[in-house]
Protein backbone atom coordinates (compact mmCIF):
# COMPACT_ATOMS: atom_id res chain seq x y z
CA MET A 1 101.71 110.02 77.56
CA LEU A 2 99.21 112.42 76.09
CA ASN A 3 96.76 109.50 75.39
CA PHE A 4 97.12 108.39 79.07
CA LYS A 5 96.32 111.79 80.34
CA LYS A 6 93.18 112.04 78.09
CA ARG A 7 91.84 108.77 79.66
CA LEU A 8 91.93 110.33 83.09
CA ASP A 9 89.09 112.38 84.46
CA GLY A 10 89.59 115.59 86.49
CA GLN A 11 89.60 113.99 89.87
CA SER A 12 92.11 111.28 88.70
CA LYS A 13 94.48 113.95 87.47
CA LEU A 14 94.11 115.70 90.92
CA LEU A 15 94.92 112.45 92.63
CA ILE A 16 98.13 111.95 90.44
CA LYS A 17 99.21 115.52 91.16
CA ASN A 18 98.75 115.16 94.87
CA SER A 19 100.59 111.80 94.84
CA GLY A 20 103.71 113.11 92.99
CA TRP A 21 105.85 113.79 96.04
CA VAL A 22 104.56 110.71 97.76
CA PHE A 23 105.50 108.65 94.68
CA PHE A 24 109.02 109.97 94.93
CA SER A 25 109.41 109.44 98.65
CA ASN A 26 107.91 105.92 98.40
CA PHE A 27 110.37 104.81 95.72
CA PHE A 28 113.15 106.29 97.72
CA SER A 29 111.88 104.58 100.95
CA THR A 30 111.32 101.29 99.15
CA GLY A 31 114.87 101.38 97.85
CA LEU A 32 116.14 101.85 101.48
CA ALA A 33 113.62 99.33 102.84
CA PHE A 34 114.88 96.80 100.40
CA ILE A 35 118.45 97.45 101.38
CA ARG A 36 117.42 97.19 105.13
CA SER A 37 115.64 93.86 104.57
CA VAL A 38 118.72 92.30 102.82
CA ILE A 39 121.06 93.62 105.56
CA ILE A 40 118.81 92.34 108.38
CA ALA A 41 118.09 88.96 106.74
CA ARG A 42 121.66 88.31 105.86
CA GLY A 43 123.15 89.74 109.07
CA LEU A 44 120.79 87.97 111.49
CA GLY A 45 120.09 84.74 109.59
CA PRO A 46 116.68 83.03 109.28
CA GLY A 47 116.30 81.87 112.89
CA ILE A 48 117.22 85.21 114.59
CA PHE A 49 115.43 87.29 111.93
CA GLY A 50 112.40 85.11 112.57
CA THR A 51 112.57 85.86 116.31
CA TYR A 52 112.92 89.67 115.51
CA ALA A 53 109.79 89.39 113.24
CA ILE A 54 107.78 87.73 115.92
CA VAL A 55 108.70 90.41 118.51
CA VAL A 56 107.70 93.21 116.08
CA SER A 57 104.37 91.47 115.36
CA PHE A 58 103.77 90.81 119.07
CA VAL A 59 104.29 94.51 119.87
CA GLY A 60 102.48 95.72 116.74
CA LEU A 61 99.47 93.62 117.19
CA ILE A 62 98.89 94.68 120.77
CA GLN A 63 99.52 98.33 120.11
CA GLU A 64 97.22 98.36 117.16
CA PHE A 65 94.41 96.91 119.31
CA LEU A 66 94.89 99.84 121.71
CA ASN A 67 95.45 102.49 118.91
CA LEU A 68 92.41 104.44 118.26
CA ASN A 69 93.84 105.64 114.88
CA VAL A 70 92.66 109.09 115.45
CA GLY A 71 94.60 110.43 112.46
CA THR A 72 91.92 108.88 110.24
CA ALA A 73 89.24 110.70 112.10
CA VAL A 74 91.16 113.96 111.78
CA ILE A 75 91.05 113.54 108.05
CA LYS A 76 87.49 112.57 107.72
CA PHE A 77 86.01 115.22 109.99
CA GLY A 78 88.61 117.69 109.29
CA ALA A 79 87.52 117.53 105.58
CA VAL A 80 84.09 118.66 106.72
CA TYR A 81 85.39 121.45 108.96
CA HIS A 82 87.75 122.61 106.25
CA THR A 83 84.84 122.77 103.77
CA GLU A 84 82.83 124.69 106.34
CA LYS A 85 85.84 126.96 107.09
CA ARG A 86 85.70 125.95 110.80
CA ASN A 87 89.38 125.61 111.56
CA ASP A 88 88.55 126.23 115.24
CA LYS A 89 86.76 122.91 115.37
CA LEU A 90 89.62 121.20 113.52
CA LEU A 91 92.06 122.43 116.27
CA ALA A 92 89.66 121.28 118.97
CA LEU A 93 89.70 117.85 117.27
CA VAL A 94 93.50 117.78 117.03
CA LYS A 95 93.86 118.70 120.79
CA SER A 96 91.40 115.99 121.90
CA SER A 97 93.15 113.43 119.54
CA LEU A 98 96.47 114.21 121.18
CA TYR A 99 95.15 113.62 124.74
CA ILE A 100 93.55 110.39 123.65
CA SER A 101 96.61 109.15 121.78
CA LEU A 102 99.05 109.84 124.68
CA ILE A 103 96.82 107.99 127.16
CA MET A 104 96.38 104.98 124.90
CA ALA A 105 100.22 104.92 124.20
CA LEU A 106 100.79 104.62 127.94
CA VAL A 107 98.14 101.93 128.32
CA SER A 108 99.64 99.88 125.49
CA VAL A 109 103.15 99.92 127.06
CA ILE A 110 101.65 98.83 130.40
CA VAL A 111 99.85 95.98 128.77
CA ILE A 112 102.89 94.85 126.98
CA ALA A 113 104.98 94.96 130.09
CA ILE A 114 102.41 92.83 132.00
CA LEU A 115 102.36 90.25 129.15
CA CYS A 116 106.24 90.08 129.11
CA THR A 117 106.14 89.40 132.77
CA VAL A 118 103.40 86.73 132.95
CA SER A 119 103.37 84.95 129.51
CA TYR A 120 106.66 85.80 127.76
CA SER A 121 107.53 82.19 126.74
CA THR A 122 104.08 81.74 125.13
CA PHE A 123 105.20 84.11 122.37
CA ILE A 124 108.90 84.33 122.27
CA GLU A 125 111.44 81.42 122.35
CA GLU A 126 114.52 83.60 122.70
CA PRO A 127 115.24 84.24 126.45
CA HIS A 128 116.02 87.54 128.12
CA LEU A 129 114.40 89.99 125.67
CA GLU A 130 111.84 91.32 127.99
CA TRP A 131 113.32 94.83 128.56
CA PHE A 132 114.19 95.16 124.87
CA ILE A 133 110.50 94.44 124.03
CA ILE A 134 109.25 96.89 126.51
CA TRP A 135 111.54 99.73 125.39
CA TYR A 136 110.74 98.88 121.84
CA ALA A 137 106.97 99.24 122.75
CA VAL A 138 107.71 102.68 124.32
CA ALA A 139 109.48 103.87 121.13
CA ALA A 140 106.87 102.36 118.82
CA SER A 141 103.93 103.96 120.71
CA ILE A 142 105.14 107.35 119.35
CA THR A 143 103.41 106.38 116.10
CA TYR A 144 100.05 107.09 117.93
CA VAL A 145 100.98 110.81 117.71
CA ASN A 146 102.69 110.61 114.39
CA SER A 147 99.43 109.60 112.83
CA ILE A 148 97.82 112.85 113.81
CA SER A 149 100.72 114.90 112.30
CA ARG A 150 100.53 112.94 109.19
CA GLY A 151 96.78 113.17 108.95
CA LEU A 152 97.00 116.91 109.15
CA LEU A 153 99.59 117.21 106.50
CA ARG A 154 97.55 115.00 104.16
CA LEU A 155 94.27 116.96 105.00
CA TYR A 156 96.02 120.20 103.85
CA TYR A 157 97.57 118.46 100.94
CA LYS A 158 101.08 119.05 102.34
CA PHE A 159 102.40 115.91 100.55
CA ARG A 160 105.87 117.47 99.96
CA MET A 161 106.63 117.99 103.72
CA SER A 162 105.13 114.54 104.60
CA SER A 163 107.28 112.92 102.02
CA LEU A 164 110.51 114.74 103.21
CA ILE A 165 109.68 113.65 106.77
CA GLN A 166 109.41 110.01 105.65
CA MET A 167 112.70 110.12 103.63
CA ILE A 168 114.65 111.57 106.53
CA MET A 169 113.21 108.92 108.91
CA ASP A 170 114.16 106.14 106.44
CA VAL A 171 117.69 107.36 105.99
CA ILE A 172 118.26 107.43 109.80
CA GLU A 173 116.92 104.01 110.33
CA THR A 174 118.88 102.42 107.47
CA GLY A 175 122.08 104.05 108.73
CA ALA A 176 121.52 102.75 112.30
CA ILE A 177 120.65 99.31 111.18
CA ALA A 178 123.61 98.88 108.87
CA ILE A 179 126.06 100.11 111.61
CA ALA A 180 124.47 97.64 114.16
CA VAL A 181 124.48 94.66 111.81
CA PHE A 182 128.01 95.32 110.40
CA PHE A 183 129.79 95.69 113.74
CA TYR A 184 127.57 93.21 115.71
CA PRO A 185 126.35 90.51 113.24
CA LYS A 186 123.70 88.09 114.68
CA ASP A 187 123.50 90.06 117.87
CA LEU A 188 119.79 90.65 118.47
CA ASN A 189 120.28 92.81 121.63
CA VAL A 190 122.54 95.51 119.79
CA PHE A 191 120.12 95.39 116.87
CA PHE A 192 117.18 96.18 119.08
CA VAL A 193 118.99 99.10 120.64
CA ALA A 194 119.64 100.61 117.24
CA ILE A 195 115.97 100.13 116.31
CA ILE A 196 114.71 101.72 119.60
CA ILE A 197 117.01 104.79 119.30
CA THR A 198 115.83 105.44 115.74
CA ARG A 199 112.18 105.16 116.66
CA PHE A 200 112.36 107.81 119.23
CA LEU A 201 114.46 110.14 116.96
CA ASN A 202 112.14 109.57 114.02
CA GLY A 203 109.01 110.33 116.16
CA PHE A 204 110.60 113.65 117.38
CA ILE A 205 111.54 114.73 113.87
CA CYS A 206 108.18 113.70 112.34
CA ASN A 207 106.07 115.87 114.76
CA LEU A 208 108.45 118.76 114.89
CA LEU A 209 108.52 119.19 111.12
CA ALA A 210 104.79 118.69 110.82
CA TYR A 211 104.14 121.44 113.26
CA TYR A 212 106.56 123.78 111.61
CA GLU A 213 104.82 123.17 108.23
CA LEU A 214 101.37 123.80 109.57
CA ARG A 215 102.15 126.52 112.17
CA HIS A 216 100.27 129.25 110.26
CA GLU A 217 97.15 127.21 110.03
CA LEU A 218 97.29 125.99 113.61
CA ASN A 219 98.59 128.84 115.75
CA PRO A 220 95.62 131.23 115.54
CA TYR A 221 93.26 128.53 116.99
CA LEU A 222 95.52 127.03 119.72
CA SER A 223 93.27 128.41 122.47
CA THR A 224 90.17 126.85 120.99
CA PRO A 225 88.32 124.84 123.83
CA ILE A 226 87.61 121.12 123.08
CA ARG A 227 83.98 121.67 124.29
CA ILE A 228 82.92 123.36 121.06
CA LEU A 229 82.84 119.76 119.60
CA GLU A 230 80.17 118.81 122.07
CA GLU A 231 77.38 118.38 119.50
CA GLU A 232 79.55 116.30 117.21
CA LYS A 233 81.23 114.31 119.97
CA LYS A 234 79.02 111.22 119.59
CA SER A 235 79.54 110.88 115.88
CA ILE A 236 83.28 111.57 116.16
CA PHE A 237 83.89 109.00 118.90
CA GLY A 238 81.62 106.57 117.26
CA PHE A 239 83.70 106.70 114.11
CA ILE A 240 86.97 106.66 116.09
CA PHE A 241 86.12 103.52 118.04
CA GLY A 242 84.48 101.71 115.10
CA ASN A 243 87.39 102.52 112.75
CA SER A 244 89.92 101.55 115.61
CA VAL A 245 88.33 98.10 115.95
CA GLY A 246 88.38 97.72 112.09
CA ASN A 247 92.09 98.70 111.96
CA SER A 248 92.87 96.30 114.81
CA LEU A 249 91.25 93.44 113.00
CA LYS A 250 93.07 94.45 109.82
CA THR A 251 96.37 94.20 111.89
CA VAL A 252 95.31 90.78 113.04
CA ILE A 253 95.31 89.84 109.36
CA SER A 254 98.50 91.69 108.39
CA GLN A 255 100.65 90.96 111.58
CA GLY A 256 98.87 88.20 113.39
CA ASP A 257 99.94 85.87 110.68
CA VAL A 258 103.47 85.94 111.89
CA LEU A 259 102.48 85.00 115.46
CA LEU A 260 100.32 82.29 114.12
CA LEU A 261 103.14 80.80 112.01
CA GLY A 262 105.41 80.93 115.00
CA ILE A 263 102.88 78.90 116.94
CA LEU A 264 102.23 76.37 114.20
CA SER A 265 105.86 76.05 112.89
CA ASN A 266 109.29 77.51 113.91
CA PRO A 267 111.34 80.77 113.81
CA ALA A 268 113.11 79.71 110.57
CA GLN A 269 109.75 79.43 108.69
CA VAL A 270 108.80 82.79 110.19
CA GLY A 271 111.98 84.17 108.64
CA PHE A 272 111.27 82.72 105.17
CA TYR A 273 107.68 84.01 105.47
CA SER A 274 108.79 87.58 106.54
CA VAL A 275 111.36 88.05 103.73
CA ALA A 276 108.83 86.82 101.18
CA LYS A 277 106.15 89.19 102.49
CA LYS A 278 108.44 92.18 102.62
CA LEU A 279 109.81 91.66 99.10
CA ALA A 280 106.41 91.01 97.50
CA TYR A 281 104.72 93.89 99.18
CA SER A 282 107.25 96.25 97.73
CA VAL A 283 104.99 96.15 94.74
CA LEU A 284 102.62 98.36 96.84
CA THR A 285 105.16 101.20 96.53
CA LEU A 286 103.29 101.98 93.22
CA THR A 287 99.99 102.58 94.97
CA ASP A 288 100.79 103.55 98.57
CA PRO A 289 101.14 107.21 97.46
CA LEU A 290 97.72 106.98 95.82
CA THR A 291 96.28 105.38 99.02
CA GLN A 292 97.53 108.20 101.08
CA SER A 293 96.34 110.89 98.70
CA ILE A 294 92.99 109.39 97.90
CA TYR A 295 91.56 109.29 101.41
CA PRO A 296 91.45 112.96 102.09
CA GLN A 297 90.27 113.49 98.36
CA LEU A 298 87.47 111.00 98.79
CA SER A 299 86.50 112.52 102.15
CA LYS A 300 86.23 115.97 100.59
CA LEU A 301 84.37 114.72 97.53
CA ILE A 302 81.86 112.87 99.79
CA ALA A 303 81.41 116.04 101.97
CA GLU A 304 80.51 117.85 98.81
CA ARG A 305 78.30 114.97 97.56
CA ARG A 306 80.10 114.58 94.34
CA PHE A 307 79.51 110.89 93.98
CA ARG A 308 79.37 110.44 90.21
CA GLU A 309 82.95 111.84 89.89
CA ILE A 310 84.13 109.35 92.55
CA ARG A 311 82.68 106.40 90.64
CA LYS A 312 84.23 107.60 87.29
CA MET A 313 87.69 108.11 88.99
CA LEU A 314 87.76 104.66 90.66
CA PHE A 315 86.60 102.85 87.57
CA LYS A 316 89.18 104.28 85.31
CA ILE A 317 92.22 104.02 87.66
CA THR A 318 91.45 100.35 88.38
CA GLY A 319 91.14 99.45 84.68
CA ILE A 320 94.46 101.20 83.92
CA ALA A 321 96.20 99.22 86.63
CA MET A 322 94.96 95.68 85.90
CA LEU A 323 96.69 94.97 82.60
CA PRO A 324 100.27 95.63 83.64
CA GLY A 325 99.60 93.80 86.89
CA ILE A 326 98.59 90.58 85.14
CA ALA A 327 101.62 90.79 82.84
CA PHE A 328 103.86 91.27 85.80
CA LEU A 329 102.55 88.18 87.53
CA ALA A 330 103.00 86.02 84.45
CA VAL A 331 106.71 87.00 84.08
CA THR A 332 107.52 86.58 87.84
CA TYR A 333 105.84 83.11 87.94
CA PHE A 334 109.01 81.75 86.24
CA LEU A 335 111.49 83.82 88.23
CA ASN A 336 110.18 83.82 91.76
CA LYS A 337 112.86 81.42 93.10
CA TRP A 338 115.68 83.12 91.28
CA ILE A 339 114.59 86.51 92.74
CA ILE A 340 114.53 85.16 96.34
CA VAL A 341 117.97 83.42 96.09
CA THR A 342 119.61 86.41 94.32
CA VAL A 343 118.43 88.90 96.93
CA TYR A 344 118.52 86.97 100.18
CA GLY A 345 120.87 84.10 99.54
CA ILE A 346 120.31 80.32 98.99
CA ASP A 347 119.40 79.84 102.63
CA TYR A 348 116.02 81.57 101.90
CA ALA A 349 115.19 79.49 98.86
CA PRO A 350 112.26 77.79 100.70
CA ALA A 351 110.55 81.31 100.67
CA SER A 352 109.98 81.18 96.95
CA ASP A 353 106.46 79.76 96.95
CA ALA A 354 105.26 82.03 99.71
CA PHE A 355 106.73 84.93 97.76
CA TYR A 356 104.63 84.26 94.78
CA TYR A 357 101.38 84.00 96.69
CA PHE A 358 102.22 87.37 98.29
CA LEU A 359 102.91 88.85 94.97
CA ILE A 360 99.46 87.91 93.69
CA GLY A 361 97.89 89.53 96.66
CA ALA A 362 100.11 92.62 96.32
CA VAL A 363 99.20 93.17 92.64
CA LEU A 364 95.40 92.73 93.38
CA GLY A 365 95.77 95.15 96.31
CA ALA A 366 97.57 97.68 94.25
CA ALA A 367 94.86 97.59 91.51
CA THR A 368 92.13 98.13 94.15
CA PHE A 369 94.15 100.41 96.50
CA TRP A 370 91.09 102.71 96.93
CA THR A 371 88.89 100.02 98.57
CA LEU A 372 89.64 100.71 102.28
CA PRO A 373 89.81 104.46 101.90
CA LEU A 374 86.35 104.41 100.23
CA VAL A 375 85.00 102.39 103.15
CA GLN A 376 86.52 104.74 105.68
CA SER A 377 85.29 107.83 103.82
CA LEU A 378 81.84 106.45 103.70
CA GLY A 379 82.02 105.82 107.52
CA ILE A 380 80.78 102.21 107.32
CA VAL A 381 83.02 101.13 110.15
CA THR A 382 80.59 98.69 111.68
CA VAL A 383 80.20 96.64 108.38
CA ARG A 384 83.90 96.61 108.14
CA ILE A 385 84.35 95.01 111.54
CA LYS A 386 81.75 92.31 110.68
CA ILE A 387 83.63 91.52 107.39
CA TYR A 388 87.05 91.35 109.15
CA VAL A 389 85.69 89.04 111.91
CA MET A 390 84.26 86.61 109.33
CA THR A 391 87.35 86.57 107.12
CA ILE A 392 89.82 86.23 109.99
CA PHE A 393 87.92 83.18 111.17
CA LEU A 394 87.93 81.54 107.66
CA GLY A 395 91.62 82.57 107.09
CA SER A 396 92.72 81.11 110.38
CA LEU A 397 90.92 77.80 109.71
CA LEU A 398 92.53 77.58 106.24
CA ALA A 399 95.93 78.24 107.83
CA TYR A 400 95.42 75.61 110.41
CA LEU A 401 94.78 73.14 107.60
CA LEU A 402 97.48 74.30 105.17
CA VAL A 403 100.55 75.16 107.40
CA PRO A 404 101.45 71.59 108.64
CA ALA A 405 101.97 70.48 105.00
CA MET A 406 102.97 73.64 103.23
CA GLN A 407 104.74 75.60 106.02
CA SER A 408 105.22 79.30 105.17
CA ALA A 409 103.63 78.97 101.83
CA GLY A 410 100.50 77.55 103.35
CA LEU A 411 100.07 80.58 105.51
CA SER A 412 100.67 82.96 102.59
CA LEU A 413 98.13 81.10 100.57
CA ALA A 414 95.64 81.45 103.47
CA LEU A 415 96.39 85.22 103.69
CA LEU A 416 95.88 85.62 99.91
CA VAL A 417 92.39 83.98 100.25
CA THR A 418 91.52 86.24 103.19
CA ASN A 419 92.61 89.51 101.47
CA ILE A 420 90.76 88.58 98.23
CA LEU A 421 87.54 87.94 100.28
CA ASN A 422 87.92 91.23 102.08
CA MET A 423 88.40 93.12 98.83
CA VAL A 424 85.42 91.50 97.06
CA ILE A 425 83.02 92.06 99.94
CA PHE A 426 84.15 95.55 100.67
CA ILE A 427 83.60 96.64 97.03
CA TYR A 428 80.17 94.89 96.94
CA VAL A 429 79.01 96.53 100.15
CA ALA A 430 80.31 100.00 99.20
CA ASP A 431 78.68 99.77 95.82
CA ASN A 432 75.39 98.94 97.29
CA ILE A 433 75.33 101.75 99.83
CA PHE A 434 77.02 104.26 97.68
CA PRO A 435 74.60 107.07 96.91
CA ARG A 436 73.29 107.12 93.39
CA SER A 437 72.83 110.83 93.07
CA SER A 438 75.12 113.71 93.71
CA VAL A 439 75.78 117.40 93.28
CA SER A 440 77.50 116.72 89.92
CA ASP A 441 74.34 114.83 88.81
CA ALA A 442 72.18 117.80 89.29
């Protein structure tokens, strides 16, 4: 342990310290998420579970396109205001972000309601789910506001409260799902009711506790007018819209795959694909806390122009992560089918190949977890959009060629290639525009 600590630089140690509570909550949440996935998959069966996955992806994809992800902007520009001791500007940014989020949440629900009315059968095979989808969209739109609360907690390094909020939400959701599936197995309507109720409740808890934790920092500036951001308005909204488009395209990659498989194949294959993806991506539990912690840290370091320290930190933590990741992949190569069957049952055995492809992507993503936070911290949102457009096109073409023969495994392989391309290009672009001098160099 002492040798491990000696290998870390100062910023890496701060990152680990900030991530402590998030690590704990993520392990806790992943354990519950694992239990939920088993309960849902076994309780609904591959076909019904596949339909549920399609609905979630349908709503998630549309809402992400209309989600301006202002929580990210709160961290990026809030880091600057915090450094300048201009909390009045930070509160003005939060207030304007709330107005924008509420408007876009309403717009997203309207769009989903219209699509359910005019083109329901294009996306969903199961009949008579329209009203469940609309109410699910209403409940899910609360995440627009949740992102602001969580962004503020991360900006102030309030990782303990953020972690507690997440654990409370996970316990509530797991309990509701377990009750619904136990008493009404294979009943998608009852299942949706449980999900919708928990989404509403979780949103209320998340925002109430976040305000309570930050009340001393926020209350003195509640009367700050939004107009004090007039000079920064162009750069703020430029980042918000550019980052929003980038996140929307990222969602096309991460959730649009389910809709694409539903079109090219059938709900059962979607069920196989979804359980494989969920189980494999649980590996990211190890680095999700670091991803959440490193973005505000990178934003502050860039605001302070401490670029050399950033390079040193990223190089060391990536090198440390790669060796155990490779060893893990070597072992699971021989156990992938056994893992799937043991967890989800023999009905899900066809998901084993997709599971291993997802696992490769998860390990690579875990080792380079800092890539997207670095791109966002540098503000190169336009470049990010161009990269996503290119890789989405290539990935979709590859999926079209592979799915007919390989089914769910074909799409998971296409997604793996897409994610590797994104990772490599992001790192190359960031390295080439990353400033070569810094305050710490002076």
